[in-house]
Amino acid sequence: MQRILSFLLRLVLLAMGLVFAASLLVAGVVFSLVLVVWSLLRGKRPRVVRFRVDPRSPFGGMRTEPRGEVVDIEARVVPEAPQQLKRDER
């Protein structure tokens, strides 16, 4: 009798864990869709971020050496931009 109760308890806990994981997955998908719709309603295209990892390079592609030459520049003051024309708001 104790083996049956133990098996049933494990089965119930497994089912609860699966329901919890599925609910998190559904919540993530709904949240992503809401963000995409919100950005489209505001007129901004959703930005797609792609991560690329080079397994041959150390630290997953993080570089320790500079990518190019370091160039020192002489700083100067930039004059203010002229007044921009105001647009008609419709």
C-alpha atoms as a PDB file:
ATOM      1  CA  MET A   1       0.000   0.000   0.000  1.00  0.00           C
ATOM      2  CA  GLN A   2       2.851   2.386   0.812  1.00  0.00           C
ATOM      3  CA  ARG A   3       4.478   1.727  -2.588  1.00  0.00           C
ATOM      4  CA  ILE A   4       1.266   2.641  -4.358  1.00  0.00           C
ATOM      5  CA  LEU A   5       0.887   5.878  -2.370  1.00  0.00           C
ATOM      6  CA  SER A   6       4.539   6.760  -2.997  1.00  0.00           C
ATOM      7  CA  PHE A   7       4.113   6.115  -6.721  1.00  0.00           C
ATOM      8  CA  LEU A   8       0.936   8.215  -6.834  1.00  0.00           C
ATOM      9  CA  LEU A   9       2.632  11.060  -4.953  1.00  0.00           C
ATOM     10  CA  ARG A  10       5.531  11.040  -7.427  1.00  0.00           C
ATOM     11  CA  LEU A  11       3.107  10.962 -10.326  1.00  0.00           C
ATOM     12  CA  VAL A  12       1.142  13.930  -8.938  1.00  0.00           C
ATOM     13  CA  LEU A  13       4.341  15.920  -8.298  1.00  0.00           C
ATOM     14  CA  LEU A  14       5.574  15.165 -11.811  1.00  0.00           C
ATOM     15  CA  ALA A  15       2.255  16.292 -13.287  1.00  0.00           C
ATOM     16  CA  MET A  16       2.354  19.496 -11.226  1.00  0.00           C
ATOM     17  CA  GLY A  17       5.893  20.212 -12.422  1.00  0.00           C
ATOM     18  CA  LEU A  18       4.905  19.672 -16.048  1.00  0.00           C
ATOM     19  CA  VAL A  19       1.887  21.965 -15.681  1.00  0.00           C
ATOM     20  CA  PHE A  20       4.083  24.634 -14.072  1.00  0.00           C
ATOM     21  CA  ALA A  21       6.718  24.400 -16.835  1.00  0.00           C
ATOM     22  CA  ALA A  22       4.039  24.531 -19.542  1.00  0.00           C
ATOM     23  CA  SER A  23       2.433  27.579 -17.914  1.00  0.00           C
ATOM     24  CA  LEU A  24       5.795  29.379 -17.854  1.00  0.00           C
ATOM     25  CA  LEU A  25       6.300  28.558 -21.520  1.00  0.00           C
ATOM     26  CA  VAL A  26       2.845  29.840 -22.453  1.00  0.00           C
ATOM     27  CA  ALA A  27       3.362  32.993 -20.369  1.00  0.00           C
ATOM     28  CA  GLY A  28       6.661  33.662 -22.170  1.00  0.00           C
ATOM     29  CA  VAL A  29       5.089  33.214 -25.603  1.00  0.00           C
ATOM     30  CA  VAL A  30       2.136  35.482 -24.712  1.00  0.00           C
ATOM     31  CA  PHE A  31       4.482  38.125 -23.296  1.00  0.00           C
ATOM     32  CA  SER A  32       6.610  38.023 -26.460  1.00  0.00           C
ATOM     33  CA  LEU A  33       3.548  38.383 -28.676  1.00  0.00           C
ATOM     34  CA  VAL A  34       2.294  41.316 -26.610  1.00  0.00           C
ATOM     35  CA  LEU A  35       5.665  43.052 -26.980  1.00  0.00           C
ATOM     36  CA  VAL A  36       5.701  42.495 -30.748  1.00  0.00           C
ATOM     37  CA  VAL A  37       2.149  43.797 -31.156  1.00  0.00           C
ATOM     38  CA  TRP A  38       2.914  46.778 -28.922  1.00  0.00           C
ATOM     39  CA  SER A  39       5.982  47.718 -30.939  1.00  0.00           C
ATOM     40  CA  LEU A  40       4.076  47.362 -34.210  1.00  0.00           C
ATOM     41  CA  LEU A  41       1.255  49.561 -32.895  1.00  0.00           C
ATOM     42  CA  ARG A  42       3.805  52.227 -32.017  1.00  0.00           C
ATOM     43  CA  GLY A  43       5.260  52.042 -35.514  1.00  0.00           C
ATOM     44  CA  LYS A  44       8.570  50.469 -34.598  1.00  0.00           C
ATOM     45  CA  ARG A  45       9.780  47.296 -36.168  1.00  0.00           C
ATOM     46  CA  PRO A  46      10.634  44.571 -33.649  1.00  0.00           C
ATOM     47  CA  ARG A  47      14.365  44.065 -33.337  1.00  0.00           C
ATOM     48  CA  VAL A  48      15.636  40.517 -33.781  1.00  0.00           C
ATOM     49  CA  VAL A  49      18.748  39.704 -31.774  1.00  0.00           C
ATOM     50  CA  ARG A  50      20.813  36.767 -32.926  1.00  0.00           C
ATOM     51  CA  PHE A  51      23.598  35.432 -30.786  1.00  0.00           C
ATOM     52  CA  ARG A  52      26.493  33.805 -32.550  1.00  0.00           C
ATOM     53  CA  VAL A  53      29.079  31.820 -30.679  1.00  0.00           C
ATOM     54  CA  ASP A  54      32.327  30.647 -32.193  1.00  0.00           C
ATOM     55  CA  PRO A  55      33.313  27.471 -30.340  1.00  0.00           C
ATOM     56  CA  ARG A  56      36.898  27.743 -31.570  1.00  0.00           C
ATOM     57  CA  SER A  57      37.535  31.018 -29.794  1.00  0.00           C
ATOM     58  CA  PRO A  58      38.067  31.245 -26.042  1.00  0.00           C
ATOM     59  CA  PHE A  59      35.301  32.547 -23.789  1.00  0.00           C
ATOM     60  CA  GLY A  60      32.641  31.987 -26.446  1.00  0.00           C
ATOM     61  CA  GLY A  61      33.912  34.577 -28.882  1.00  0.00           C
ATOM     62  CA  MET A  62      34.863  37.329 -26.459  1.00  0.00           C
ATOM     63  CA  ARG A  63      38.007  38.999 -27.702  1.00  0.00           C
ATOM     64  CA  THR A  64      40.809  40.073 -25.451  1.00  0.00           C
ATOM     65  CA  GLU A  65      42.840  41.982 -28.044  1.00  0.00           C
ATOM     66  CA  PRO A  66      41.608  45.164 -29.708  1.00  0.00           C
ATOM     67  CA  ARG A  67      39.887  44.686 -33.044  1.00  0.00           C
ATOM     68  CA  GLY A  68      41.594  47.527 -34.873  1.00  0.00           C
ATOM     69  CA  GLU A  69      44.018  50.347 -34.474  1.00  0.00           C
ATOM     70  CA  VAL A  70      43.521  52.832 -31.679  1.00  0.00           C
ATOM     71  CA  VAL A  71      43.609  56.341 -33.096  1.00  0.00           C
ATOM     72  CA  ASP A  72      43.968  59.426 -30.938  1.00  0.00           C
ATOM     73  CA  ILE A  73      42.093  62.446 -32.175  1.00  0.00           C
ATOM     74  CA  GLU A  74      42.283  66.089 -31.355  1.00  0.00           C
ATOM     75  CA  ALA A  75      39.055  67.220 -29.716  1.00  0.00           C
ATOM     76  CA  ARG A  76      37.403  70.406 -30.883  1.00  0.00           C
ATOM     77  CA  VAL A  77      34.227  72.255 -30.010  1.00  0.00           C
ATOM     78  CA  VAL A  78      31.400  71.686 -32.455  1.00  0.00           C
ATOM     79  CA  PRO A  79      29.203  74.737 -33.014  1.00  0.00           C
ATOM     80  CA  GLU A  80      25.557  74.400 -32.168  1.00  0.00           C
ATOM     81  CA  ALA A  81      23.282  73.151 -34.913  1.00  0.00           C
ATOM     82  CA  PRO A  82      20.968  75.704 -36.540  1.00  0.00           C
ATOM     83  CA  GLN A  83      17.345  75.792 -35.486  1.00  0.00           C
ATOM     84  CA  GLN A  84      15.331  73.102 -37.210  1.00  0.00           C
ATOM     85  CA  LEU A  85      12.104  73.889 -38.963  1.00  0.00           C
ATOM     86  CA  LYS A  86       9.003  72.961 -37.040  1.00  0.00           C
ATOM     87  CA  ARG A  87       6.773  70.419 -38.734  1.00  0.00           C
ATOM     88  CA  ASP A  88       3.038  70.746 -39.056  1.00  0.00           C
ATOM     89  CA  GLU A  89       1.426  68.332 -36.649  1.00  0.00           C
ATOM     90  CA  ARG A  90      -1.595  66.745 -38.146  1.00  0.00           C
END
